[in-house]
């Protein structure tokens, strides 16, 4: 083997060694990453629930006066010709 080929092989071996170290490091971090993802998912669920409740509150606020007006119109007899 000539010198250039040996140098290239040594570079490749050092790169393979570095990659193996990175894989081991990433595997060690995996439980922490999974835990963080679970916390994020929980927060997203809570936020979605709060947004849903807020939308229902807005709908209730908007529909309450309309229901009151409808009841008032029915009670006064204005809608009698349509019923």
N, C-alpha and C. Protein backbone atom coordinates (compact mmCIF):
# COMPACT_ATOMS: atom_id res chain seq x y z
N UNK A 1 0.84 -1.18 0.00
CA UNK A 1 0.00 0.00 0.00
C UNK A 1 0.88 1.24 0.00
N UNK A 2 0.49 2.19 -0.78
CA UNK A 2 1.31 3.40 -0.80
C UNK A 2 0.88 4.36 0.32
N UNK A 3 1.64 5.40 0.48
CA UNK A 3 1.44 6.34 1.59
C UNK A 3 0.11 7.08 1.50
N UNK A 4 -0.30 7.47 0.32
CA UNK A 4 -1.56 8.21 0.14
C UNK A 4 -2.76 7.35 0.54
N UNK A 5 -2.71 6.07 0.17
CA UNK A 5 -3.81 5.16 0.51
C UNK A 5 -3.88 4.96 2.02
N UNK A 6 -2.72 4.83 2.65
CA UNK A 6 -2.69 4.68 4.11
C UNK A 6 -3.27 5.91 4.80
N UNK A 7 -2.89 7.07 4.31
CA UNK A 7 -3.42 8.31 4.91
C UNK A 7 -4.94 8.38 4.78
N UNK A 8 -5.45 8.02 3.63
CA UNK A 8 -6.91 8.04 3.41
C UNK A 8 -7.59 7.03 4.33
N UNK A 9 -7.00 5.84 4.49
CA UNK A 9 -7.58 4.84 5.38
C UNK A 9 -7.58 5.31 6.83
N UNK A 10 -6.52 5.97 7.24
CA UNK A 10 -6.46 6.49 8.60
C UNK A 10 -7.52 7.56 8.82
N UNK A 11 -7.71 8.42 7.82
CA UNK A 11 -8.75 9.44 7.92
C UNK A 11 -10.13 8.79 8.04
N UNK A 12 -10.35 7.78 7.21
CA UNK A 12 -11.64 7.09 7.26
C UNK A 12 -11.86 6.40 8.60
N UNK A 13 -10.82 5.77 9.14
CA UNK A 13 -10.94 5.12 10.44
C UNK A 13 -11.23 6.13 11.54
N UNK A 14 -10.60 7.28 11.47
CA UNK A 14 -10.86 8.30 12.50
C UNK A 14 -12.29 8.84 12.36
N UNK A 15 -12.76 8.99 11.13
CA UNK A 15 -14.15 9.43 10.92
C UNK A 15 -15.14 8.40 11.45
N UNK A 16 -14.85 7.13 11.20
CA UNK A 16 -15.72 6.06 11.70
C UNK A 16 -15.74 6.07 13.23
N UNK A 17 -14.58 6.26 13.82
CA UNK A 17 -14.51 6.34 15.28
C UNK A 17 -15.31 7.51 15.82
N UNK A 18 -15.20 8.68 15.17
CA UNK A 18 -15.96 9.85 15.58
C UNK A 18 -17.47 9.59 15.46
N UNK A 19 -17.86 8.95 14.37
CA UNK A 19 -19.28 8.65 14.17
C UNK A 19 -19.81 7.69 15.23
N UNK A 20 -18.99 6.71 15.59
CA UNK A 20 -19.40 5.77 16.64
C UNK A 20 -19.59 6.50 17.96
N UNK A 21 -18.70 7.44 18.28
CA UNK A 21 -18.83 8.22 19.51
C UNK A 21 -20.10 9.06 19.48
N UNK A 22 -20.41 9.63 18.33
CA UNK A 22 -21.62 10.45 18.21
C UNK A 22 -22.87 9.59 18.39
N UNK A 23 -22.86 8.38 17.83
CA UNK A 23 -24.00 7.48 17.97
C UNK A 23 -24.21 7.11 19.43
N UNK A 24 -23.13 6.81 20.14
CA UNK A 24 -23.23 6.47 21.55
C UNK A 24 -23.77 7.65 22.34
N UNK A 25 -23.30 8.85 22.01
CA UNK A 25 -23.77 10.05 22.70
C UNK A 25 -25.26 10.29 22.44
N UNK A 26 -25.68 10.13 21.20
CA UNK A 26 -27.10 10.32 20.87
C UNK A 26 -27.98 9.26 21.52
N UNK A 27 -27.50 8.04 21.58
CA UNK A 27 -28.26 6.98 22.25
C UNK A 27 -28.41 7.28 23.73
N UNK A 28 -27.40 7.87 24.33
CA UNK A 28 -27.47 8.22 25.75
C UNK A 28 -28.46 9.36 25.98
N UNK A 29 -28.62 10.24 25.01
CA UNK A 29 -29.53 11.37 25.14
C UNK A 29 -30.98 11.00 24.85
N UNK A 30 -31.22 9.85 24.25
CA UNK A 30 -32.56 9.47 23.81
C UNK A 30 -33.61 9.48 24.93
N UNK A 31 -33.33 8.96 26.13
CA UNK A 31 -34.35 9.02 27.20
C UNK A 31 -34.73 10.46 27.57
N UNK A 32 -33.75 11.36 27.56
CA UNK A 32 -34.04 12.76 27.88
C UNK A 32 -34.89 13.39 26.79
N UNK A 33 -34.60 13.04 25.56
CA UNK A 33 -35.38 13.57 24.43
C UNK A 33 -36.81 13.05 24.51
N UNK A 34 -36.99 11.78 24.80
CA UNK A 34 -38.34 11.21 24.92
C UNK A 34 -39.12 11.88 26.04
N UNK A 35 -38.48 12.12 27.16
CA UNK A 35 -39.15 12.78 28.29
C UNK A 35 -39.58 14.19 27.91
N UNK A 36 -38.71 14.90 27.21
CA UNK A 36 -39.04 16.26 26.78
C UNK A 36 -40.21 16.24 25.81
N UNK A 37 -40.23 15.29 24.90
CA UNK A 37 -41.34 15.18 23.95
C UNK A 37 -42.65 14.89 24.66
N UNK A 38 -42.62 14.05 25.67
CA UNK A 38 -43.84 13.77 26.44
C UNK A 38 -44.35 15.02 27.15
N UNK A 39 -43.43 15.81 27.69
CA UNK A 39 -43.84 17.06 28.35
C UNK A 39 -44.46 18.02 27.33
N UNK A 40 -43.87 18.10 26.16
CA UNK A 40 -44.40 18.99 25.12
C UNK A 40 -45.79 18.52 24.68
N UNK A 41 -45.96 17.22 24.50
CA UNK A 41 -47.26 16.69 24.10
C UNK A 41 -48.32 16.99 25.15
N UNK A 42 -47.96 16.86 26.42
CA UNK A 42 -48.90 17.18 27.49
C UNK A 42 -49.29 18.64 27.48
N UNK A 43 -48.32 19.51 27.24
CA UNK A 43 -48.61 20.95 27.20
C UNK A 43 -49.51 21.29 26.02
N UNK A 44 -49.27 20.64 24.89
CA UNK A 44 -50.10 20.90 23.71
C UNK A 44 -51.54 20.44 23.96
N UNK A 45 -51.71 19.31 24.62
CA UNK A 45 -53.06 18.82 24.95
C UNK A 45 -53.78 19.81 25.87
N UNK A 46 -53.09 20.29 26.89
CA UNK A 46 -53.69 21.26 27.81
C UNK A 46 -54.09 22.53 27.07
N UNK A 47 -53.20 22.99 26.19
CA UNK A 47 -53.48 24.20 25.42
C UNK A 47 -54.68 24.00 24.50
N UNK A 48 -54.77 22.85 23.86
CA UNK A 48 -55.90 22.56 22.97
C UNK A 48 -57.20 22.53 23.77
N UNK A 49 -57.17 21.94 24.96
CA UNK A 49 -58.37 21.92 25.81
C UNK A 49 -58.79 23.32 26.22
N UNK A 50 -57.83 24.15 26.56
CA UNK A 50 -58.15 25.52 26.96
C UNK A 50 -58.72 26.32 25.79
N UNK A 51 -58.16 26.11 24.60
CA UNK A 51 -58.68 26.82 23.41
C UNK A 51 -60.10 26.37 23.12
N UNK A 52 -60.36 25.07 23.25
CA UNK A 52 -61.71 24.56 23.03
C UNK A 52 -62.71 25.16 24.02
N UNK A 53 -62.32 25.24 25.28
CA UNK A 53 -63.20 25.83 26.29
C UNK A 53 -63.44 27.31 26.02
N UNK A 54 -62.40 28.01 25.58
CA UNK A 54 -62.55 29.43 25.27
C UNK A 54 -63.50 29.63 24.09
N UNK A 55 -63.40 28.78 23.08
CA UNK A 55 -64.32 28.89 21.94
C UNK A 55 -65.76 28.65 22.36
N UNK A 56 -65.98 27.65 23.21
CA UNK A 56 -67.33 27.41 23.71
C UNK A 56 -67.84 28.60 24.51
N UNK A 57 -66.97 29.23 25.28
CA UNK A 57 -67.37 30.41 26.06
C UNK A 57 -67.78 31.55 25.13
N UNK A 58 -67.02 31.76 24.06
CA UNK A 58 -67.35 32.82 23.10
C UNK A 58 -68.67 32.52 22.42
N UNK A 59 -68.88 31.27 22.04
CA UNK A 59 -70.14 30.88 21.39
C UNK A 59 -71.30 31.11 22.35
N UNK A 60 -71.12 30.73 23.61
CA UNK A 60 -72.19 30.92 24.59
C UNK A 60 -72.49 32.40 24.80
N UNK A 61 -71.45 33.22 24.83
CA UNK A 61 -71.64 34.67 25.01
C UNK A 61 -72.40 35.25 23.83
N UNK A 62 -72.10 34.77 22.63
CA UNK A 62 -72.78 35.29 21.44
C UNK A 62 -74.21 34.76 21.31
N UNK A 63 -74.46 33.53 21.69
CA UNK A 63 -75.78 32.94 21.51
C UNK A 63 -76.77 33.32 22.60
N UNK A 64 -76.30 33.67 23.78
CA UNK A 64 -77.20 34.01 24.88
C UNK A 64 -78.09 35.20 24.54
N UNK A 65 -77.54 36.31 24.04
CA UNK A 65 -78.44 37.43 23.68
C UNK A 65 -79.40 37.07 22.54
N UNK A 66 -78.93 36.27 21.60
CA UNK A 66 -79.81 35.87 20.50
C UNK A 66 -80.95 35.00 21.02
N UNK A 67 -80.67 34.11 21.93
CA UNK A 67 -81.72 33.28 22.51
C UNK A 67 -82.69 34.14 23.30
N UNK A 68 -82.18 35.12 24.01
CA UNK A 68 -83.05 36.04 24.75
C UNK A 68 -83.97 36.81 23.83
N UNK A 69 -83.42 37.29 22.72
CA UNK A 69 -84.24 38.03 21.75
C UNK A 69 -85.30 37.12 21.14
N UNK A 70 -84.95 35.88 20.85
CA UNK A 70 -85.92 34.94 20.28
C UNK A 70 -87.04 34.65 21.27
N UNK A 71 -86.70 34.44 22.52
CA UNK A 71 -87.71 34.18 23.55
C UNK A 71 -88.61 35.41 23.72
N UNK A 72 -88.01 36.58 23.71
CA UNK A 72 -88.78 37.82 23.85
C UNK A 72 -89.73 37.99 22.67
N UNK A 73 -89.25 37.68 21.46
CA UNK A 73 -90.09 37.80 20.27
C UNK A 73 -91.24 36.81 20.30
N UNK A 74 -90.97 35.61 20.74
CA UNK A 74 -92.04 34.60 20.83
C UNK A 74 -93.06 35.01 21.89
N UNK A 75 -92.57 35.50 23.03
CA UNK A 75 -93.46 35.89 24.12
C UNK A 75 -94.33 37.10 23.74
N UNK A 76 -93.79 38.00 22.95
CA UNK A 76 -94.56 39.19 22.58
C UNK A 76 -95.54 38.92 21.45
N UNK A 77 -95.41 37.79 20.80
CA UNK A 77 -96.35 37.42 19.73
C UNK A 77 -95.92 37.91 18.36
N UNK A 78 -94.76 38.50 18.23
CA UNK A 78 -94.30 39.00 16.94
C UNK A 78 -94.10 37.85 15.96
N UNK A 79 -93.68 36.71 16.44
CA UNK A 79 -93.42 35.57 15.56
C UNK A 79 -94.63 34.65 15.41
N UNK A 80 -95.77 35.03 15.93
CA UNK A 80 -96.95 34.16 15.88
C UNK A 80 -97.37 33.81 14.46
N UNK A 81 -97.23 34.74 13.54
CA UNK A 81 -97.63 34.47 12.15
C UNK A 81 -96.70 33.49 11.46
N UNK A 82 -95.44 33.31 11.96
CA UNK A 82 -94.48 32.38 11.36
C UNK A 82 -94.56 30.99 11.99
N UNK A 83 -95.17 30.88 13.16
CA UNK A 83 -95.21 29.59 13.86
C UNK A 83 -96.42 28.82 13.53
